[in-house]
Amino acid sequence: MNASPCPAAPCFSLSRLLGDLKAFARREPAQTMAIAVGAGLLINLLPKRAIVGTATTLGIALLHPALLALGLTKAMELCCQTSSNPVLPPPNDLFSPDGHDPTPVTSSSRPSQWIRP
């Protein structure tokens, strides 16, 4: 069957990786400094305008599908909410100060019943 072990949680793996990096930095400080200087030089050589331009273009390209997905999710949430609770209780602000409802709301006078999807 499936003999592969269950993957570790991402937060546990990240903390384990950070612990290993700290231990390596304590064992090999000169090599750690050389790696840090090399990474800094490499990052300094990268064209920043191209990186920012690519990130901006990618963000704008993904904005439309992301907003569409969020809108569909909200529409489904509202649709499921109204279909499972056809008659909702009145909000608390409609009650009088003594806690009693002066005019009971019937299902035919609810705004949610006026509009059918």
C-alpha atoms as a PDB file:
ATOM      1  CA  MET A   1       0.000   0.000   0.000  1.00  0.00           C
ATOM      2  CA  ASN A   2       1.220   3.495   0.846  1.00  0.00           C
ATOM      3  CA  ALA A   3       4.463   3.076   2.789  1.00  0.00           C
ATOM      4  CA  SER A   4       5.505   6.730   2.672  1.00  0.00           C
ATOM      5  CA  PRO A   5       5.491   8.476   6.052  1.00  0.00           C
ATOM      6  CA  CYS A   6       3.039  11.241   6.797  1.00  0.00           C
ATOM      7  CA  PRO A   7       4.589  14.671   6.044  1.00  0.00           C
ATOM      8  CA  ALA A   8       5.433  16.876   9.007  1.00  0.00           C
ATOM      9  CA  ALA A   9       3.514  20.048   9.692  1.00  0.00           C
ATOM     10  CA  PRO A  10       4.970  23.070   7.823  1.00  0.00           C
ATOM     11  CA  CYS A  11       5.484  25.115  10.984  1.00  0.00           C
ATOM     12  CA  PHE A  12       7.362  22.208  12.611  1.00  0.00           C
ATOM     13  CA  SER A  13       9.533  21.771   9.513  1.00  0.00           C
ATOM     14  CA  LEU A  14      10.316  25.492   9.389  1.00  0.00           C
ATOM     15  CA  SER A  15      11.277  25.662  13.061  1.00  0.00           C
ATOM     16  CA  ARG A  16      13.416  22.543  12.608  1.00  0.00           C
ATOM     17  CA  LEU A  17      15.146  24.114   9.571  1.00  0.00           C
ATOM     18  CA  LEU A  18      15.811  27.340  11.491  1.00  0.00           C
ATOM     19  CA  GLY A  19      17.239  25.352  14.397  1.00  0.00           C
ATOM     20  CA  ASP A  20      19.539  23.462  12.028  1.00  0.00           C
ATOM     21  CA  LEU A  21      20.695  26.749  10.457  1.00  0.00           C
ATOM     22  CA  LYS A  22      21.462  28.246  13.878  1.00  0.00           C
ATOM     23  CA  ALA A  23      23.426  25.158  14.855  1.00  0.00           C
ATOM     24  CA  PHE A  24      25.400  25.329  11.592  1.00  0.00           C
ATOM     25  CA  ALA A  25      26.127  29.037  12.136  1.00  0.00           C
ATOM     26  CA  ARG A  26      27.498  28.274  15.612  1.00  0.00           C
ATOM     27  CA  ARG A  27      29.652  25.398  14.315  1.00  0.00           C
ATOM     28  CA  GLU A  28      30.986  27.146  11.177  1.00  0.00           C
ATOM     29  CA  PRO A  29      30.950  30.950  11.644  1.00  0.00           C
ATOM     30  CA  ALA A  30      33.474  31.696   8.846  1.00  0.00           C
ATOM     31  CA  GLN A  31      31.604  29.599   6.283  1.00  0.00           C
ATOM     32  CA  THR A  32      28.310  31.183   7.366  1.00  0.00           C
ATOM     33  CA  MET A  33      29.746  34.674   6.829  1.00  0.00           C
ATOM     34  CA  ALA A  34      31.053  33.678   3.387  1.00  0.00           C
ATOM     35  CA  ILE A  35      27.617  32.361   2.399  1.00  0.00           C
ATOM     36  CA  ALA A  36      25.950  35.552   3.668  1.00  0.00           C
ATOM     37  CA  VAL A  37      28.362  37.793   1.736  1.00  0.00           C
ATOM     38  CA  GLY A  38      27.888  35.718  -1.428  1.00  0.00           C
ATOM     39  CA  ALA A  39      24.104  35.852  -1.129  1.00  0.00           C
ATOM     40  CA  GLY A  40      24.259  39.621  -0.564  1.00  0.00           C
ATOM     41  CA  LEU A  41      26.400  40.119  -3.667  1.00  0.00           C
ATOM     42  CA  LEU A  42      24.083  37.938  -5.739  1.00  0.00           C
ATOM     43  CA  ILE A  43      21.010  39.879  -4.596  1.00  0.00           C
ATOM     44  CA  ASN A  44      22.823  43.154  -5.315  1.00  0.00           C
ATOM     45  CA  LEU A  45      23.522  42.034  -8.900  1.00  0.00           C
ATOM     46  CA  LEU A  46      19.880  41.203  -9.645  1.00  0.00           C
ATOM     47  CA  PRO A  47      17.994  43.814 -11.693  1.00  0.00           C
ATOM     48  CA  LYS A  48      15.542  45.273  -9.216  1.00  0.00           C
ATOM     49  CA  ARG A  49      13.406  46.953 -11.874  1.00  0.00           C
ATOM     50  CA  ALA A  50      12.784  43.637 -13.623  1.00  0.00           C
ATOM     51  CA  ILE A  51      11.873  41.916 -10.347  1.00  0.00           C
ATOM     52  CA  VAL A  52       9.428  44.653  -9.319  1.00  0.00           C
ATOM     53  CA  GLY A  53       7.971  44.846 -12.841  1.00  0.00           C
ATOM     54  CA  THR A  54       7.448  41.082 -13.001  1.00  0.00           C
ATOM     55  CA  ALA A  55       5.843  41.005  -9.555  1.00  0.00           C
ATOM     56  CA  THR A  56       3.534  43.890 -10.491  1.00  0.00           C
ATOM     57  CA  THR A  57       2.546  42.324 -13.809  1.00  0.00           C
ATOM     58  CA  LEU A  58       1.884  38.976 -12.151  1.00  0.00           C
ATOM     59  CA  GLY A  59      -0.140  40.623  -9.366  1.00  0.00           C
ATOM     60  CA  ILE A  60      -2.308  42.535 -11.827  1.00  0.00           C
ATOM     61  CA  ALA A  61      -2.826  39.407 -13.948  1.00  0.00           C
ATOM     62  CA  LEU A  62      -3.953  37.390 -10.907  1.00  0.00           C
ATOM     63  CA  LEU A  63      -6.142  40.134  -9.437  1.00  0.00           C
ATOM     64  CA  HIS A  64      -9.129  39.549 -11.743  1.00  0.00           C
ATOM     65  CA  PRO A  65      -9.396  35.760 -11.142  1.00  0.00           C
ATOM     66  CA  ALA A  66      -8.862  36.231  -7.410  1.00  0.00           C
ATOM     67  CA  LEU A  67     -11.662  38.811  -7.154  1.00  0.00           C
ATOM     68  CA  LEU A  68     -13.917  36.612  -9.273  1.00  0.00           C
ATOM     69  CA  ALA A  69     -13.284  33.634  -6.993  1.00  0.00           C
ATOM     70  CA  LEU A  70     -13.949  35.729  -3.879  1.00  0.00           C
ATOM     71  CA  GLY A  71     -17.178  37.062  -5.382  1.00  0.00           C
ATOM     72  CA  LEU A  72     -18.386  33.581  -6.307  1.00  0.00           C
ATOM     73  CA  THR A  73     -17.540  32.324  -2.830  1.00  0.00           C
ATOM     74  CA  LYS A  74     -19.532  35.137  -1.215  1.00  0.00           C
ATOM     75  CA  ALA A  75     -22.465  34.571  -3.592  1.00  0.00           C
ATOM     76  CA  MET A  76     -22.524  30.857  -2.756  1.00  0.00           C
ATOM     77  CA  GLU A  77     -22.342  31.680   0.949  1.00  0.00           C
ATOM     78  CA  LEU A  78     -25.309  34.046   0.683  1.00  0.00           C
ATOM     79  CA  CYS A  79     -27.243  31.597  -1.473  1.00  0.00           C
ATOM     80  CA  CYS A  80     -26.722  28.730   0.968  1.00  0.00           C
ATOM     81  CA  GLN A  81     -27.538  30.945   3.930  1.00  0.00           C
ATOM     82  CA  THR A  82     -30.887  32.084   2.515  1.00  0.00           C
ATOM     83  CA  SER A  83     -31.885  28.597   1.345  1.00  0.00           C
ATOM     84  CA  SER A  84     -31.159  26.944   4.706  1.00  0.00           C
ATOM     85  CA  ASN A  85     -32.831  29.696   6.820  1.00  0.00           C
ATOM     86  CA  PRO A  86     -35.906  30.887   4.892  1.00  0.00           C
ATOM     87  CA  VAL A  87     -37.399  32.715   7.904  1.00  0.00           C
ATOM     88  CA  LEU A  88     -34.787  34.606   9.879  1.00  0.00           C
ATOM     89  CA  PRO A  89     -35.388  35.999  13.370  1.00  0.00           C
ATOM     90  CA  PRO A  90     -35.760  39.789  13.531  1.00  0.00           C
ATOM     91  CA  PRO A  91     -32.666  41.806  14.485  1.00  0.00           C
ATOM     92  CA  ASN A  92     -32.342  42.902  18.121  1.00  0.00           C
ATOM     93  CA  ASP A  93     -32.634  46.602  17.265  1.00  0.00           C
ATOM     94  CA  LEU A  94     -36.335  46.148  16.339  1.00  0.00           C
ATOM     95  CA  PHE A  95     -37.293  45.312  19.924  1.00  0.00           C
ATOM     96  CA  SER A  96     -38.562  47.897  22.352  1.00  0.00           C
ATOM     97  CA  PRO A  97     -36.414  48.875  25.391  1.00  0.00           C
ATOM     98  CA  ASP A  98     -38.339  46.488  27.674  1.00  0.00           C
ATOM     99  CA  GLY A  99     -37.287  43.527  25.515  1.00  0.00           C
ATOM    100  CA  HIS A 100     -40.634  42.780  23.884  1.00  0.00           C
ATOM    101  CA  ASP A 101     -41.361  43.060  20.202  1.00  0.00           C
ATOM    102  CA  PRO A 102     -44.179  45.640  19.814  1.00  0.00           C
ATOM    103  CA  THR A 103     -45.095  44.465  16.307  1.00  0.00           C
ATOM    104  CA  PRO A 104     -44.461  40.828  15.488  1.00  0.00           C
ATOM    105  CA  VAL A 105     -42.894  40.267  12.100  1.00  0.00           C
ATOM    106  CA  THR A 106     -44.529  37.623   9.964  1.00  0.00           C
ATOM    107  CA  SER A 107     -42.807  35.696   7.233  1.00  0.00           C
ATOM    108  CA  SER A 108     -44.805  37.529   4.536  1.00  0.00           C
ATOM    109  CA  SER A 109     -43.550  40.958   5.693  1.00  0.00           C
ATOM    110  CA  ARG A 110     -39.841  40.048   5.724  1.00  0.00           C
ATOM    111  CA  PRO A 111     -37.727  41.707   3.018  1.00  0.00           C
ATOM    112  CA  SER A 112     -35.839  38.439   2.469  1.00  0.00           C
ATOM    113  CA  GLN A 113     -39.125  36.852   1.375  1.00  0.00           C
ATOM    114  CA  TRP A 114     -39.951  39.628  -1.097  1.00  0.00           C
ATOM    115  CA  ILE A 115     -36.966  38.926  -3.324  1.00  0.00           C
ATOM    116  CA  ARG A 116     -36.662  35.458  -4.799  1.00  0.00           C
ATOM    117  CA  PRO A 117     -33.295  34.521  -6.338  1.00  0.00           C
END
